[in-house]
């Protein structure tokens, strides 16, 4: 089960695309030393559950497929 800190990190990252995971972790209340190794978060069971809930693989695959097959090169490039 995802923790509140994990949920806060995911929300922060989704609202601030490109933000480093470690920075989002610090903002959520993780210690500086823990935030220097984001893999501890991203390899956790709770994090995987959050991603499965909000970014399921089949949804991502359909979006990628649609962009790869899009006729406008700008859509694919973006």
PDB file of N, CA and C in Angstrom:
ATOM      1  N   UNK A   1       0.843  -1.183   0.000  1.00  0.00           N
ATOM      2  CA  UNK A   1       0.000   0.000   0.000  1.00  0.00           C
ATOM      3  C   UNK A   1       0.890   1.249   0.000  1.00  0.00           C
ATOM      4  N   UNK A   2       0.623   2.171  -0.907  1.00  0.00           N
ATOM      5  CA  UNK A   2       1.446   3.385  -0.990  1.00  0.00           C
ATOM      6  C   UNK A   2       1.307   4.256   0.261  1.00  0.00           C
ATOM      7  N   UNK A   3       2.416   4.869   0.634  1.00  0.00           N
ATOM      8  CA  UNK A   3       2.399   5.781   1.773  1.00  0.00           C
ATOM      9  C   UNK A   3       1.966   7.169   1.315  1.00  0.00           C
ATOM     10  N   UNK A   4       1.654   8.022   2.274  1.00  0.00           N
ATOM     11  CA  UNK A   4       1.272   9.391   1.939  1.00  0.00           C
ATOM     12  C   UNK A   4       2.435  10.127   1.281  1.00  0.00           C
ATOM     13  N   UNK A   5       3.663   9.877   1.744  1.00  0.00           N
ATOM     14  CA  UNK A   5       4.826  10.523   1.133  1.00  0.00           C
ATOM     15  C   UNK A   5       4.967  10.109  -0.329  1.00  0.00           C
ATOM     16  N   UNK A   6       4.762   8.831  -0.624  1.00  0.00           N
ATOM     17  CA  UNK A   6       4.854   8.355  -2.002  1.00  0.00           C
ATOM     18  C   UNK A   6       3.797   9.032  -2.871  1.00  0.00           C
ATOM     19  N   UNK A   7       2.591   9.169  -2.348  1.00  0.00           N
ATOM     20  CA  UNK A   7       1.524   9.837  -3.090  1.00  0.00           C
ATOM     21  C   UNK A   7       1.875  11.299  -3.340  1.00  0.00           C
ATOM     22  N   UNK A   8       2.475  11.938  -2.334  1.00  0.00           N
ATOM     23  CA  UNK A   8       2.863  13.336  -2.477  1.00  0.00           C
ATOM     24  C   UNK A   8       3.939  13.502  -3.547  1.00  0.00           C
ATOM     25  N   UNK A   9       4.902  12.583  -3.576  1.00  0.00           N
ATOM     26  CA  UNK A   9       5.963  12.636  -4.593  1.00  0.00           C
ATOM     27  C   UNK A   9       5.355  12.483  -5.983  1.00  0.00           C
ATOM     28  N   UNK A  10       4.480  11.521  -6.162  1.00  0.00           N
ATOM     29  CA  UNK A  10       3.869  11.308  -7.478  1.00  0.00           C
ATOM     30  C   UNK A  10       3.069  12.534  -7.916  1.00  0.00           C
ATOM     31  N   UNK A  11       2.321  13.125  -7.001  1.00  0.00           N
ATOM     32  CA  UNK A  11       1.547  14.332  -7.321  1.00  0.00           C
ATOM     33  C   UNK A  11       2.484  15.467  -7.732  1.00  0.00           C
ATOM     34  N   UNK A  12       3.558  15.655  -6.982  1.00  0.00           N
ATOM     35  CA  UNK A  12       4.528  16.711  -7.284  1.00  0.00           C
ATOM     36  C   UNK A  12       5.154  16.489  -8.662  1.00  0.00           C
ATOM     37  N   UNK A  13       5.540  15.261  -8.953  1.00  0.00           N
ATOM     38  CA  UNK A  13       6.160  14.959 -10.242  1.00  0.00           C
ATOM     39  C   UNK A  13       5.173  15.135 -11.397  1.00  0.00           C
ATOM     40  N   UNK A  14       3.921  14.782 -11.173  1.00  0.00           N
ATOM     41  CA  UNK A  14       2.940  14.909 -12.254  1.00  0.00           C
ATOM     42  C   UNK A  14       2.593  16.372 -12.521  1.00  0.00           C
ATOM     43  N   UNK A  15       2.715  17.211 -11.515  1.00  0.00           N
ATOM     44  CA  UNK A  15       2.422  18.640 -11.691  1.00  0.00           C
ATOM     45  C   UNK A  15       3.637  19.426 -12.160  1.00  0.00           C
ATOM     46  N   UNK A  16       4.815  18.860 -12.026  1.00  0.00           N
ATOM     47  CA  UNK A  16       6.056  19.539 -12.386  1.00  0.00           C
ATOM     48  C   UNK A  16       6.910  18.615 -13.232  1.00  0.00           C
ATOM     49  N   UNK A  17       6.516  18.440 -14.482  1.00  0.00           N
ATOM     50  CA  UNK A  17       7.203  17.528 -15.388  1.00  0.00           C
ATOM     51  C   UNK A  17       8.671  17.947 -15.515  1.00  0.00           C
ATOM     52  N   UNK A  18       9.549  16.985 -15.385  1.00  0.00           N
ATOM     53  CA  UNK A  18      10.979  17.252 -15.509  1.00  0.00           C
ATOM     54  C   UNK A  18      11.667  17.502 -14.180  1.00  0.00           C
ATOM     55  N   UNK A  19      10.889  17.604 -13.122  1.00  0.00           N
ATOM     56  CA  UNK A  19      11.479  17.823 -11.797  1.00  0.00           C
ATOM     57  C   UNK A  19      12.213  16.557 -11.367  1.00  0.00           C
ATOM     58  N   UNK A  20      13.394  16.700 -10.789  1.00  0.00           N
ATOM     59  CA  UNK A  20      14.121  15.517 -10.315  1.00  0.00           C
ATOM     60  C   UNK A  20      13.365  14.802  -9.187  1.00  0.00           C
ATOM     61  N   UNK A  21      13.402  13.489  -9.206  1.00  0.00           N
ATOM     62  CA  UNK A  21      12.697  12.692  -8.201  1.00  0.00           C
ATOM     63  C   UNK A  21      13.212  13.025  -6.804  1.00  0.00           C
ATOM     64  N   UNK A  22      14.521  13.174  -6.665  1.00  0.00           N
ATOM     65  CA  UNK A  22      15.099  13.485  -5.357  1.00  0.00           C
ATOM     66  C   UNK A  22      14.561  14.782  -4.783  1.00  0.00           C
ATOM     67  N   UNK A  23      14.371  15.778  -5.628  1.00  0.00           N
ATOM     68  CA  UNK A  23      13.822  17.057  -5.169  1.00  0.00           C
ATOM     69  C   UNK A  23      12.379  16.890  -4.709  1.00  0.00           C
ATOM     70  N   UNK A  24      11.596  16.132  -5.470  1.00  0.00           N
ATOM     71  CA  UNK A  24      10.208  15.871  -5.089  1.00  0.00           C
ATOM     72  C   UNK A  24      10.153  15.089  -3.777  1.00  0.00           C
ATOM     73  N   UNK A  25      11.114  14.193  -3.588  1.00  0.00           N
ATOM     74  CA  UNK A  25      11.168  13.425  -2.344  1.00  0.00           C
ATOM     75  C   UNK A  25      11.439  14.350  -1.157  1.00  0.00           C
ATOM     76  N   UNK A  26      12.383  15.265  -1.308  1.00  0.00           N
ATOM     77  CA  UNK A  26      12.684  16.209  -0.220  1.00  0.00           C
ATOM     78  C   UNK A  26      11.463  17.064   0.095  1.00  0.00           C
ATOM     79  N   UNK A  27      10.768  17.517  -0.946  1.00  0.00           N
ATOM     80  CA  UNK A  27       9.561  18.326  -0.742  1.00  0.00           C
ATOM     81  C   UNK A  27       8.472  17.548  -0.015  1.00  0.00           C
ATOM     82  N   UNK A  28       8.460  16.239  -0.188  1.00  0.00           N
ATOM     83  CA  UNK A  28       7.441  15.393   0.447  1.00  0.00           C
ATOM     84  C   UNK A  28       7.814  15.013   1.879  1.00  0.00           C
ATOM     85  N   UNK A  29       9.028  15.338   2.298  1.00  0.00           N
ATOM     86  CA  UNK A  29       9.421  15.058   3.672  1.00  0.00           C
ATOM     87  C   UNK A  29      10.431  13.949   3.850  1.00  0.00           C
ATOM     88  N   UNK A  30      10.938  13.393   2.746  1.00  0.00           N
ATOM     89  CA  UNK A  30      12.004  12.396   2.863  1.00  0.00           C
ATOM     90  C   UNK A  30      13.287  13.094   3.296  1.00  0.00           C
ATOM     91  N   UNK A  31      14.150  12.368   3.966  1.00  0.00           N
ATOM     92  CA  UNK A  31      15.417  12.951   4.399  1.00  0.00           C
ATOM     93  C   UNK A  31      16.313  13.218   3.192  1.00  0.00           C
ATOM     94  N   UNK A  32      17.279  14.090   3.395  1.00  0.00           N
ATOM     95  CA  UNK A  32      18.218  14.424   2.323  1.00  0.00           C
ATOM     96  C   UNK A  32      18.979  13.180   1.880  1.00  0.00           C
ATOM     97  N   UNK A  33      19.404  12.366   2.841  1.00  0.00           N
ATOM     98  CA  UNK A  33      20.175  11.172   2.473  1.00  0.00           C
ATOM     99  C   UNK A  33      19.315  10.184   1.688  1.00  0.00           C
ATOM    100  N   UNK A  34      18.064  10.020   2.052  1.00  0.00           N
ATOM    101  CA  UNK A  34      17.178   9.118   1.309  1.00  0.00           C
ATOM    102  C   UNK A  34      16.884   9.675  -0.082  1.00  0.00           C
ATOM    103  N   UNK A  35      16.725  10.984  -0.173  1.00  0.00           N
ATOM    104  CA  UNK A  35      16.397  11.589  -1.469  1.00  0.00           C
ATOM    105  C   UNK A  35      17.558  11.523  -2.455  1.00  0.00           C
ATOM    106  N   UNK A  36      18.749  11.236  -1.961  1.00  0.00           N
ATOM    107  CA  UNK A  36      19.904  11.096  -2.861  1.00  0.00           C
ATOM    108  C   UNK A  36      19.919   9.740  -3.557  1.00  0.00           C
ATOM    109  N   UNK A  37      19.094   8.825  -3.102  1.00  0.00           N
ATOM    110  CA  UNK A  37      18.970   7.510  -3.734  1.00  0.00           C
ATOM    111  C   UNK A  37      17.493   7.244  -4.050  1.00  0.00           C
ATOM    112  N   UNK A  38      16.961   7.925  -5.074  1.00  0.00           N
ATOM    113  CA  UNK A  38      15.540   7.785  -5.414  1.00  0.00           C
ATOM    114  C   UNK A  38      15.133   6.350  -5.745  1.00  0.00           C
ATOM    115  N   UNK A  39      16.107   5.516  -6.060  1.00  0.00           N
ATOM    116  CA  UNK A  39      15.795   4.120  -6.388  1.00  0.00           C
ATOM    117  C   UNK A  39      15.097   3.418  -5.222  1.00  0.00           C
ATOM    118  N   UNK A  40      15.403   3.849  -3.994  1.00  0.00           N
ATOM    119  CA  UNK A  40      14.721   3.270  -2.832  1.00  0.00           C
ATOM    120  C   UNK A  40      13.211   3.480  -2.950  1.00  0.00           C
ATOM    121  N   UNK A  41      12.820   4.622  -3.451  1.00  0.00           N
ATOM    122  CA  UNK A  41      11.396   4.917  -3.650  1.00  0.00           C
ATOM    123  C   UNK A  41      10.866   4.201  -4.882  1.00  0.00           C
ATOM    124  N   UNK A  42      11.538   4.391  -5.998  1.00  0.00           N
ATOM    125  CA  UNK A  42      10.998   3.909  -7.272  1.00  0.00           C
ATOM    126  C   UNK A  42      11.016   2.385  -7.411  1.00  0.00           C
ATOM    127  N   UNK A  43      11.741   1.695  -6.548  1.00  0.00           N
ATOM    128  CA  UNK A  43      11.722   0.232  -6.602  1.00  0.00           C
ATOM    129  C   UNK A  43      10.828  -0.370  -5.512  1.00  0.00           C
ATOM    130  N   UNK A  44      10.131   0.477  -4.776  1.00  0.00           N
ATOM    131  CA  UNK A  44       9.276  -0.018  -3.687  1.00  0.00           C
ATOM    132  C   UNK A  44       7.950  -0.549  -4.227  1.00  0.00           C
ATOM    133  N   UNK A  45       7.352  -1.419  -3.461  1.00  0.00           N
ATOM    134  CA  UNK A  45       6.069  -2.015  -3.841  1.00  0.00           C
ATOM    135  C   UNK A  45       4.975  -0.954  -3.914  1.00  0.00           C
ATOM    136  N   UNK A  46       4.954  -0.036  -2.955  1.00  0.00           N
ATOM    137  CA  UNK A  46       3.945   1.016  -2.940  1.00  0.00           C
ATOM    138  C   UNK A  46       4.018   1.910  -4.164  1.00  0.00           C
ATOM    139  N   UNK A  47       5.250   2.238  -4.599  1.00  0.00           N
ATOM    140  CA  UNK A  47       5.434   3.079  -5.787  1.00  0.00           C
ATOM    141  C   UNK A  47       4.917   2.371  -7.029  1.00  0.00           C
ATOM    142  N   UNK A  48       5.226   1.076  -7.145  1.00  0.00           N
ATOM    143  CA  UNK A  48       4.739   0.300  -8.298  1.00  0.00           C
ATOM    144  C   UNK A  48       3.208   0.258  -8.305  1.00  0.00           C
ATOM    145  N   UNK A  49       2.608   0.144  -7.121  1.00  0.00           N
ATOM    146  CA  UNK A  49       1.147   0.145  -7.042  1.00  0.00           C
ATOM    147  C   UNK A  49       0.573   1.487  -7.513  1.00  0.00           C
ATOM    148  N   UNK A  50       1.213   2.582  -7.123  1.00  0.00           N
ATOM    149  CA  UNK A  50       0.764   3.904  -7.571  1.00  0.00           C
ATOM    150  C   UNK A  50       0.846   4.033  -9.088  1.00  0.00           C
ATOM    151  N   UNK A  51       1.962   3.605  -9.655  1.00  0.00           N
ATOM    152  CA  UNK A  51       2.121   3.688 -11.111  1.00  0.00           C
ATOM    153  C   UNK A  51       1.119   2.812 -11.833  1.00  0.00           C
ATOM    154  N   UNK A  52       0.865   1.617 -11.300  1.00  0.00           N
ATOM    155  CA  UNK A  52      -0.131   0.737 -11.916  1.00  0.00           C
ATOM    156  C   UNK A  52      -1.521   1.362 -11.869  1.00  0.00           C
ATOM    157  N   UNK A  53      -1.787   2.109 -10.802  1.00  0.00           N
ATOM    158  CA  UNK A  53      -3.095   2.740 -10.651  1.00  0.00           C
ATOM    159  C   UNK A  53      -3.253   3.948 -11.567  1.00  0.00           C
ATOM    160  N   UNK A  54      -2.244   4.812 -11.624  1.00  0.00           N
ATOM    161  CA  UNK A  54      -2.373   6.072 -12.358  1.00  0.00           C
ATOM    162  C   UNK A  54      -1.767   6.062 -13.758  1.00  0.00           C
ATOM    163  N   UNK A  55      -0.812   5.181 -14.015  1.00  0.00           N
ATOM    164  CA  UNK A  55      -0.176   5.089 -15.326  1.00  0.00           C
ATOM    165  C   UNK A  55      -0.055   3.626 -15.752  1.00  0.00           C
ATOM    166  N   UNK A  56      -1.184   2.967 -15.991  1.00  0.00           N
ATOM    167  CA  UNK A  56      -1.104   1.548 -16.361  1.00  0.00           C
ATOM    168  C   UNK A  56      -0.369   1.356 -17.691  1.00  0.00           C
ATOM    169  N   UNK A  57       0.356   0.260 -17.785  1.00  0.00           N
ATOM    170  CA  UNK A  57       1.173  -0.023 -18.970  1.00  0.00           C
ATOM    171  C   UNK A  57       0.369   0.003 -20.265  1.00  0.00           C
ATOM    172  N   UNK A  58      -0.842  -0.554 -20.243  1.00  0.00           N
ATOM    173  CA  UNK A  58      -1.620  -0.602 -21.492  1.00  0.00           C
ATOM    174  C   UNK A  58      -2.000   0.803 -21.963  1.00  0.00           C
ATOM    175  N   UNK A  59      -2.264   1.718 -21.050  1.00  0.00           N
ATOM    176  CA  UNK A  59      -2.586   3.095 -21.429  1.00  0.00           C
ATOM    177  C   UNK A  59      -1.368   3.776 -22.040  1.00  0.00           C
ATOM    178  N   UNK A  60      -0.200   3.590 -21.416  1.00  0.00           N
ATOM    179  CA  UNK A  60       1.026   4.180 -21.952  1.00  0.00           C
ATOM    180  C   UNK A  60       1.364   3.607 -23.322  1.00  0.00           C
ATOM    181  N   UNK A  61       1.181   2.309 -23.480  1.00  0.00           N
ATOM    182  CA  UNK A  61       1.487   1.673 -24.756  1.00  0.00           C
ATOM    183  C   UNK A  61       0.589   2.208 -25.869  1.00  0.00           C
ATOM    184  N   UNK A  62      -0.687   2.399 -25.579  1.00  0.00           N
ATOM    185  CA  UNK A  62      -1.603   2.947 -26.584  1.00  0.00           C
ATOM    186  C   UNK A  62      -1.225   4.375 -26.960  1.00  0.00           C
ATOM    187  N   UNK A  63      -0.836   5.171 -25.982  1.00  0.00           N
ATOM    188  CA  UNK A  63      -0.434   6.555 -26.265  1.00  0.00           C
ATOM    189  C   UNK A  63       0.820   6.578 -27.126  1.00  0.00           C
ATOM    190  N   UNK A  64       1.789   5.752 -26.807  1.00  0.00           N
ATOM    191  CA  UNK A  64       3.027   5.694 -27.595  1.00  0.00           C
ATOM    192  C   UNK A  64       2.741   5.216 -29.008  1.00  0.00           C
ATOM    193  N   UNK A  65       1.915   4.197 -29.127  1.00  0.00           N
ATOM    194  CA  UNK A  65       1.585   3.669 -30.449  1.00  0.00           C
ATOM    195  C   UNK A  65       0.907   4.738 -31.294  1.00  0.00           C
ATOM    196  N   UNK A  66      -0.023   5.469 -30.692  1.00  0.00           N
ATOM    197  CA  UNK A  66      -0.713   6.526 -31.415  1.00  0.00           C
ATOM    198  C   UNK A  66       0.233   7.607 -31.905  1.00  0.00           C
ATOM    199  N   UNK A  67       1.178   7.984 -31.074  1.00  0.00           N
ATOM    200  CA  UNK A  67       2.146   9.006 -31.487  1.00  0.00           C
ATOM    201  C   UNK A  67       3.099   8.496 -32.553  1.00  0.00           C
ATOM    202  N   UNK A  68       3.525   7.245 -32.426  1.00  0.00           N
ATOM    203  CA  UNK A  68       4.437   6.680 -33.421  1.00  0.00           C
ATOM    204  C   UNK A  68       3.783   6.580 -34.791  1.00  0.00           C
ATOM    205  N   UNK A  69       2.479   6.359 -34.808  1.00  0.00           N
ATOM    206  CA  UNK A  69       1.768   6.204 -36.074  1.00  0.00           C
ATOM    207  C   UNK A  69       1.150   7.509 -36.572  1.00  0.00           C
ATOM    208  N   UNK A  70       1.298   8.575 -35.822  1.00  0.00           N
ATOM    209  CA  UNK A  70       0.689   9.861 -36.180  1.00  0.00           C
ATOM    210  C   UNK A  70       1.303  10.393 -37.475  1.00  0.00           C
ATOM    211  N   UNK A  71       0.471  10.990 -38.312  1.00  0.00           N
ATOM    212  CA  UNK A  71       0.925  11.478 -39.610  1.00  0.00           C
ATOM    213  C   UNK A  71       1.772  12.751 -39.492  1.00  0.00           C
ATOM    214  N   UNK A  72       1.495  13.567 -38.501  1.00  0.00           N
ATOM    215  CA  UNK A  72       2.237  14.813 -38.326  1.00  0.00           C
ATOM    216  C   UNK A  72       3.519  14.547 -37.555  1.00  0.00           C
ATOM    217  N   UNK A  73       4.651  14.877 -38.143  1.00  0.00           N
ATOM    218  CA  UNK A  73       5.923  14.623 -37.483  1.00  0.00           C
ATOM    219  C   UNK A  73       6.053  15.431 -36.207  1.00  0.00           C
ATOM    220  N   UNK A  74       5.398  16.602 -36.127  1.00  0.00           N
ATOM    221  CA  UNK A  74       5.501  17.434 -34.925  1.00  0.00           C
ATOM    222  C   UNK A  74       4.883  16.736 -33.711  1.00  0.00           C
ATOM    223  N   UNK A  75       3.832  15.993 -33.935  1.00  0.00           N
ATOM    224  CA  UNK A  75       3.207  15.242 -32.835  1.00  0.00           C
ATOM    225  C   UNK A  75       4.140  14.152 -32.332  1.00  0.00           C
ATOM    226  N   UNK A  76       4.801  13.475 -33.272  1.00  0.00           N
ATOM    227  CA  UNK A  76       5.752  12.426 -32.876  1.00  0.00           C
ATOM    228  C   UNK A  76       6.957  13.018 -32.174  1.00  0.00           C
ATOM    229  N   UNK A  77       7.414  14.165 -32.665  1.00  0.00           N
ATOM    230  CA  UNK A  77       8.604  14.812 -32.109  1.00  0.00           C
ATOM    231  C   UNK A  77       8.355  15.341 -30.705  1.00  0.00           C
ATOM    232  N   UNK A  78       7.154  15.831 -30.477  1.00  0.00           N
ATOM    233  CA  UNK A  78       6.816  16.411 -29.160  1.00  0.00           C
ATOM    234  C   UNK A  78       6.810  15.333 -28.121  1.00  0.00           C
TER     235      UNK A  78
END
